[in-house]
Amino acid sequence: MHVFEVLADPVRRRILELLAPGEMASGEVVEVIGAEFGITQAAVSQHLKVLRESGFATVRAEAQRRLYSVDVAGLRAVDAWIGRFRSFWEPKLDALATEIARGKRERRNAPVTKRGGKRA
């Protein structure tokens, strides 16, 4: 399955959001996803399997629990694809950062008016 097919599903995107801060037990994932999307434990397990098999999530056993976490391999594939297009927006973002800095500098150097101590 192509990485963007994996990410096209809102349930899988939400699972990745849940896993982003750190490991999460499969039962916790099932509880949250089941409540938010109204799907069964089996359906959540299938989504977790897709994420594992496509390189977006890893699982490790701890006693009876299965702990899931984000696998950066899948995210690297997305970043590599998006990287081909960064040249379209990075210069614009750099120009925006320059304008913001210029505006801050101008406000900092603006003369202070006598009333209320506000700058002109």
N, C-alpha and C. Protein backbone atom coordinates (compact mmCIF):
# COMPACT_ATOMS: atom_id res chain seq x y z
N MET A 1 0.85 -1.18 0.00
CA MET A 1 0.00 0.00 0.00
C MET A 1 0.89 1.24 0.00
N HIS A 2 0.60 2.18 -0.84
CA HIS A 2 1.36 3.42 -0.93
C HIS A 2 1.17 4.23 0.34
N VAL A 3 2.21 4.98 0.74
CA VAL A 3 2.15 5.72 2.01
C VAL A 3 0.97 6.68 2.07
N PHE A 4 0.61 7.28 0.96
CA PHE A 4 -0.50 8.23 0.99
C PHE A 4 -1.85 7.51 1.03
N GLU A 5 -1.91 6.29 0.55
CA GLU A 5 -3.12 5.50 0.74
C GLU A 5 -3.32 5.18 2.22
N VAL A 6 -2.23 4.88 2.88
CA VAL A 6 -2.29 4.61 4.32
C VAL A 6 -2.77 5.85 5.06
N LEU A 7 -2.21 7.00 4.73
CA LEU A 7 -2.56 8.24 5.43
C LEU A 7 -3.89 8.83 4.99
N ALA A 8 -4.45 8.34 3.90
CA ALA A 8 -5.73 8.87 3.42
C ALA A 8 -6.87 8.54 4.37
N ASP A 9 -6.71 7.50 5.16
CA ASP A 9 -7.78 7.08 6.06
C ASP A 9 -7.75 7.91 7.35
N PRO A 10 -8.87 8.55 7.71
CA PRO A 10 -8.90 9.39 8.91
C PRO A 10 -8.67 8.62 10.20
N VAL A 11 -9.06 7.36 10.24
CA VAL A 11 -8.83 6.55 11.45
C VAL A 11 -7.33 6.34 11.65
N ARG A 12 -6.63 5.99 10.58
CA ARG A 12 -5.19 5.76 10.69
C ARG A 12 -4.45 7.04 11.02
N ARG A 13 -4.88 8.16 10.44
CA ARG A 13 -4.24 9.44 10.79
C ARG A 13 -4.44 9.74 12.28
N ARG A 14 -5.64 9.49 12.77
CA ARG A 14 -5.92 9.75 14.18
C ARG A 14 -5.10 8.84 15.09
N ILE A 15 -4.94 7.58 14.69
CA ILE A 15 -4.11 6.66 15.48
C ILE A 15 -2.68 7.19 15.55
N LEU A 16 -2.14 7.66 14.44
CA LEU A 16 -0.79 8.23 14.45
C LEU A 16 -0.71 9.45 15.36
N GLU A 17 -1.75 10.28 15.36
CA GLU A 17 -1.78 11.43 16.27
C GLU A 17 -1.75 10.96 17.72
N LEU A 18 -2.48 9.90 18.02
CA LEU A 18 -2.48 9.38 19.39
C LEU A 18 -1.11 8.84 19.78
N LEU A 19 -0.42 8.22 18.83
CA LEU A 19 0.87 7.60 19.11
C LEU A 19 2.03 8.61 19.11
N ALA A 20 1.81 9.78 18.55
CA ALA A 20 2.90 10.75 18.40
C ALA A 20 3.59 11.11 19.72
N PRO A 21 2.86 11.31 20.82
CA PRO A 21 3.56 11.66 22.08
C PRO A 21 4.37 10.52 22.66
N GLY A 22 4.07 9.28 22.31
CA GLY A 22 4.81 8.14 22.85
C GLY A 22 3.98 6.87 22.77
N GLU A 23 4.51 5.82 23.36
CA GLU A 23 3.84 4.52 23.30
C GLU A 23 2.44 4.56 23.90
N MET A 24 1.61 3.69 23.33
CA MET A 24 0.24 3.58 23.81
C MET A 24 -0.19 2.13 23.69
N ALA A 25 -0.84 1.61 24.71
CA ALA A 25 -1.32 0.23 24.68
C ALA A 25 -2.44 0.11 23.66
N SER A 26 -2.51 -1.05 23.02
CA SER A 26 -3.54 -1.26 22.00
C SER A 26 -4.94 -1.07 22.57
N GLY A 27 -5.15 -1.47 23.81
CA GLY A 27 -6.45 -1.29 24.43
C GLY A 27 -6.84 0.17 24.57
N GLU A 28 -5.85 1.01 24.86
CA GLU A 28 -6.11 2.45 24.95
C GLU A 28 -6.46 3.01 23.58
N VAL A 29 -5.74 2.56 22.56
CA VAL A 29 -6.02 3.01 21.19
C VAL A 29 -7.44 2.59 20.80
N VAL A 30 -7.79 1.35 21.09
CA VAL A 30 -9.13 0.84 20.77
C VAL A 30 -10.20 1.67 21.47
N GLU A 31 -9.96 2.00 22.74
CA GLU A 31 -10.94 2.77 23.51
C GLU A 31 -11.18 4.14 22.88
N VAL A 32 -10.11 4.86 22.57
CA VAL A 32 -10.25 6.20 22.01
C VAL A 32 -10.84 6.16 20.62
N ILE A 33 -10.28 5.32 19.77
CA ILE A 33 -10.75 5.26 18.37
C ILE A 33 -12.19 4.74 18.31
N GLY A 34 -12.50 3.75 19.13
CA GLY A 34 -13.85 3.24 19.16
C GLY A 34 -14.85 4.31 19.55
N ALA A 35 -14.49 5.13 20.53
CA ALA A 35 -15.38 6.21 20.97
C ALA A 35 -15.51 7.30 19.91
N GLU A 36 -14.41 7.64 19.27
CA GLU A 36 -14.43 8.74 18.29
C GLU A 36 -15.05 8.34 16.95
N PHE A 37 -14.81 7.10 16.52
CA PHE A 37 -15.25 6.69 15.19
C PHE A 37 -16.37 5.65 15.21
N GLY A 38 -16.66 5.12 16.39
CA GLY A 38 -17.72 4.13 16.49
C GLY A 38 -17.41 2.83 15.79
N ILE A 39 -16.14 2.39 15.84
CA ILE A 39 -15.76 1.14 15.17
C ILE A 39 -15.36 0.11 16.23
N THR A 40 -15.34 -1.13 15.83
CA THR A 40 -15.08 -2.24 16.74
C THR A 40 -13.59 -2.41 17.02
N GLN A 41 -13.31 -3.23 18.03
CA GLN A 41 -11.93 -3.56 18.36
C GLN A 41 -11.24 -4.24 17.18
N ALA A 42 -11.96 -5.10 16.48
CA ALA A 42 -11.39 -5.79 15.32
C ALA A 42 -11.02 -4.81 14.21
N ALA A 43 -11.85 -3.80 14.00
CA ALA A 43 -11.57 -2.80 12.97
C ALA A 43 -10.35 -1.98 13.34
N VAL A 44 -10.24 -1.60 14.62
CA VAL A 44 -9.07 -0.84 15.07
C VAL A 44 -7.82 -1.69 14.92
N SER A 45 -7.91 -2.96 15.27
CA SER A 45 -6.77 -3.87 15.12
C SER A 45 -6.32 -3.96 13.66
N GLN A 46 -7.27 -3.96 12.75
CA GLN A 46 -6.92 -4.00 11.33
C GLN A 46 -6.18 -2.73 10.92
N HIS A 47 -6.62 -1.59 11.41
CA HIS A 47 -5.92 -0.33 11.12
C HIS A 47 -4.51 -0.35 11.70
N LEU A 48 -4.36 -0.86 12.91
CA LEU A 48 -3.03 -0.96 13.52
C LEU A 48 -2.13 -1.88 12.70
N LYS A 49 -2.70 -2.96 12.17
CA LYS A 49 -1.93 -3.88 11.33
C LYS A 49 -1.45 -3.18 10.06
N VAL A 50 -2.33 -2.41 9.43
CA VAL A 50 -1.95 -1.67 8.22
C VAL A 50 -0.81 -0.71 8.55
N LEU A 51 -0.92 0.00 9.66
CA LEU A 51 0.14 0.95 10.05
C LEU A 51 1.46 0.22 10.31
N ARG A 52 1.39 -0.94 10.95
CA ARG A 52 2.61 -1.72 11.19
C ARG A 52 3.23 -2.18 9.89
N GLU A 53 2.42 -2.78 9.02
CA GLU A 53 2.93 -3.36 7.78
C GLU A 53 3.43 -2.31 6.79
N SER A 54 2.95 -1.10 6.92
CA SER A 54 3.38 -0.04 6.00
C SER A 54 4.51 0.80 6.58
N GLY A 55 4.99 0.45 7.77
CA GLY A 55 6.14 1.14 8.33
C GLY A 55 5.83 2.41 9.10
N PHE A 56 4.57 2.61 9.49
CA PHE A 56 4.19 3.80 10.25
C PHE A 56 4.13 3.55 11.75
N ALA A 57 4.03 2.29 12.16
CA ALA A 57 3.93 1.99 13.59
C ALA A 57 4.72 0.73 13.91
N THR A 58 5.18 0.68 15.14
CA THR A 58 5.84 -0.53 15.65
C THR A 58 5.07 -0.99 16.86
N VAL A 59 5.24 -2.25 17.19
CA VAL A 59 4.57 -2.82 18.37
C VAL A 59 5.58 -3.65 19.14
N ARG A 60 5.45 -3.61 20.45
CA ARG A 60 6.27 -4.48 21.28
C ARG A 60 5.38 -5.03 22.39
N ALA A 61 5.72 -6.24 22.80
CA ALA A 61 4.94 -6.89 23.85
C ALA A 61 5.52 -6.54 25.21
N GLU A 62 4.62 -6.28 26.14
CA GLU A 62 5.00 -6.07 27.54
C GLU A 62 3.98 -6.85 28.37
N ALA A 63 4.39 -8.03 28.81
CA ALA A 63 3.47 -8.96 29.49
C ALA A 63 2.30 -9.25 28.54
N GLN A 64 1.09 -8.97 28.97
CA GLN A 64 -0.08 -9.24 28.13
C GLN A 64 -0.45 -8.08 27.22
N ARG A 65 0.22 -6.96 27.38
CA ARG A 65 -0.13 -5.76 26.60
C ARG A 65 0.71 -5.65 25.34
N ARG A 66 0.14 -4.99 24.34
CA ARG A 66 0.86 -4.66 23.11
C ARG A 66 0.97 -3.15 23.08
N LEU A 67 2.21 -2.66 23.07
CA LEU A 67 2.45 -1.23 23.08
C LEU A 67 2.85 -0.77 21.69
N TYR A 68 2.11 0.19 21.17
CA TYR A 68 2.34 0.74 19.84
C TYR A 68 3.03 2.08 19.93
N SER A 69 3.85 2.36 18.94
CA SER A 69 4.49 3.67 18.83
C SER A 69 4.69 4.00 17.35
N VAL A 70 4.96 5.26 17.08
CA VAL A 70 5.19 5.70 15.71
C VAL A 70 6.53 5.17 15.24
N ASP A 71 6.57 4.68 14.03
CA ASP A 71 7.81 4.27 13.37
C ASP A 71 8.15 5.36 12.36
N VAL A 72 9.31 5.97 12.52
CA VAL A 72 9.67 7.10 11.66
C VAL A 72 9.92 6.69 10.21
N ALA A 73 10.07 5.42 9.93
CA ALA A 73 10.34 4.98 8.56
C ALA A 73 9.24 5.43 7.60
N GLY A 74 8.01 5.24 7.99
CA GLY A 74 6.90 5.66 7.14
C GLY A 74 6.86 7.16 6.96
N LEU A 75 7.15 7.88 8.03
CA LEU A 75 7.15 9.34 7.95
C LEU A 75 8.30 9.85 7.10
N ARG A 76 9.41 9.14 7.11
CA ARG A 76 10.54 9.52 6.24
C ARG A 76 10.16 9.41 4.77
N ALA A 77 9.40 8.39 4.45
CA ALA A 77 8.95 8.22 3.06
C ALA A 77 8.06 9.39 2.63
N VAL A 78 7.18 9.82 3.52
CA VAL A 78 6.32 10.97 3.23
C VAL A 78 7.17 12.22 3.08
N ASP A 79 8.11 12.41 4.00
CA ASP A 79 8.98 13.59 3.96
C ASP A 79 9.81 13.62 2.68
N ALA A 80 10.29 12.46 2.26
CA ALA A 80 11.09 12.40 1.02
C ALA A 80 10.26 12.82 -0.18
N TRP A 81 9.02 12.38 -0.23
CA TRP A 81 8.16 12.75 -1.36
C TRP A 81 7.85 14.24 -1.32
N ILE A 82 7.49 14.74 -0.15
CA ILE A 82 7.17 16.16 0.00
C ILE A 82 8.41 17.02 -0.25
N GLY A 83 9.57 16.50 0.07
CA GLY A 83 10.82 17.23 -0.12
C GLY A 83 11.03 17.72 -1.53
N ARG A 84 10.49 17.00 -2.49
CA ARG A 84 10.63 17.41 -3.89
C ARG A 84 9.90 18.72 -4.18
N PHE A 85 8.99 19.10 -3.31
CA PHE A 85 8.17 20.28 -3.54
C PHE A 85 8.48 21.44 -2.59
N ARG A 86 9.41 21.24 -1.68
CA ARG A 86 9.75 22.28 -0.70
C ARG A 86 10.21 23.57 -1.36
N SER A 87 10.84 23.46 -2.50
CA SER A 87 11.35 24.66 -3.17
C SER A 87 10.23 25.61 -3.57
N PHE A 88 9.00 25.11 -3.62
CA PHE A 88 7.87 25.98 -3.96
C PHE A 88 7.49 26.90 -2.82
N TRP A 89 7.62 26.44 -1.57
CA TRP A 89 7.15 27.29 -0.47
C TRP A 89 8.25 27.80 0.44
N GLU A 90 9.43 27.18 0.47
CA GLU A 90 10.47 27.65 1.39
C GLU A 90 10.91 29.09 1.11
N PRO A 91 11.13 29.51 -0.15
CA PRO A 91 11.51 30.91 -0.36
C PRO A 91 10.43 31.87 0.12
N LYS A 92 9.16 31.51 -0.05
CA LYS A 92 8.07 32.37 0.41
C LYS A 92 8.06 32.46 1.93
N LEU A 93 8.31 31.33 2.60
CA LEU A 93 8.36 31.35 4.06
C LEU A 93 9.56 32.14 4.56
N ASP A 94 10.68 32.02 3.87
CA ASP A 94 11.86 32.82 4.23
C ASP A 94 11.57 34.31 4.07
N ALA A 95 10.89 34.68 2.98
CA ALA A 95 10.54 36.08 2.75
C ALA A 95 9.58 36.57 3.83
N LEU A 96 8.63 35.74 4.21
CA LEU A 96 7.69 36.10 5.28
C LEU A 96 8.43 36.31 6.59
N ALA A 97 9.36 35.45 6.92
CA ALA A 97 10.15 35.61 8.15
C ALA A 97 10.93 36.91 8.13
N THR A 98 11.47 37.27 6.98
CA THR A 98 12.19 38.53 6.85
C THR A 98 11.26 39.72 7.09
N GLU A 99 10.07 39.68 6.50
CA GLU A 99 9.11 40.77 6.68
C GLU A 99 8.64 40.88 8.13
N ILE A 100 8.44 39.77 8.78
CA ILE A 100 8.04 39.79 10.19
C ILE A 100 9.14 40.41 11.03
N ALA A 101 10.38 40.01 10.79
CA ALA A 101 11.51 40.58 11.53
C ALA A 101 11.64 42.07 11.26
N ARG A 102 11.44 42.48 10.02
CA ARG A 102 11.52 43.90 9.66
C ARG A 102 10.44 44.69 10.41
N GLY A 103 9.21 44.15 10.45
CA GLY A 103 8.12 44.82 11.15
C GLY A 103 8.40 44.94 12.64
N LYS A 104 8.93 43.91 13.25
CA LYS A 104 9.27 43.96 14.67
C LYS A 104 10.34 45.01 14.94
N ARG A 105 11.34 45.06 14.05
CA ARG A 105 12.43 46.02 14.20
C ARG A 105 11.89 47.44 14.07
N GLU A 106 11.00 47.67 13.11
CA GLU A 106 10.43 49.01 12.91
C GLU A 106 9.59 49.43 14.11
N ARG A 107 8.82 48.50 14.68
CA ARG A 107 8.02 48.83 15.87
C ARG A 107 8.91 49.13 17.06
N ARG A 108 9.98 48.38 17.19
CA ARG A 108 10.92 48.57 18.30
C ARG A 108 11.62 49.93 18.19
N ASN A 109 11.91 50.37 16.97
CA ASN A 109 12.64 51.63 16.75
C ASN A 109 11.72 52.84 16.58
N ALA A 110 10.41 52.62 16.58
CA ALA A 110 9.46 53.73 16.39
C ALA A 110 9.51 54.64 17.61
N PRO A 111 9.35 55.95 17.39
CA PRO A 111 9.39 56.88 18.52
C PRO A 111 8.16 56.67 19.43
N VAL A 112 8.37 56.89 20.72
CA VAL A 112 7.30 56.75 21.70
C VAL A 112 6.56 58.07 21.82
N THR A 113 5.23 58.01 21.76
CA THR A 113 4.44 59.22 21.93
C THR A 113 4.31 59.53 23.42
N LYS A 114 3.97 60.77 23.74
CA LYS A 114 3.88 61.16 25.14
C LYS A 114 2.62 60.63 25.81
N ARG A 115 1.52 60.53 25.09
CA ARG A 115 0.27 60.07 25.69
C ARG A 115 0.25 58.55 25.75
N GLY A 116 0.09 58.04 26.95
CA GLY A 116 -0.08 56.60 27.14
C GLY A 116 1.18 55.79 26.91
N GLY A 117 2.27 56.39 26.54
CA GLY A 117 3.52 55.68 26.35
C GLY A 117 3.52 54.74 25.16
N LYS A 118 2.56 54.93 24.26
CA LYS A 118 2.50 54.05 23.09
C LYS A 118 3.39 54.59 21.99
N ARG A 119 3.86 53.66 21.20
CA ARG A 119 4.70 54.05 20.06
C ARG A 119 3.82 54.60 18.96
N ALA A 120 4.40 55.48 18.17
CA ALA A 120 3.66 56.09 17.07
C ALA A 120 3.43 55.10 15.97
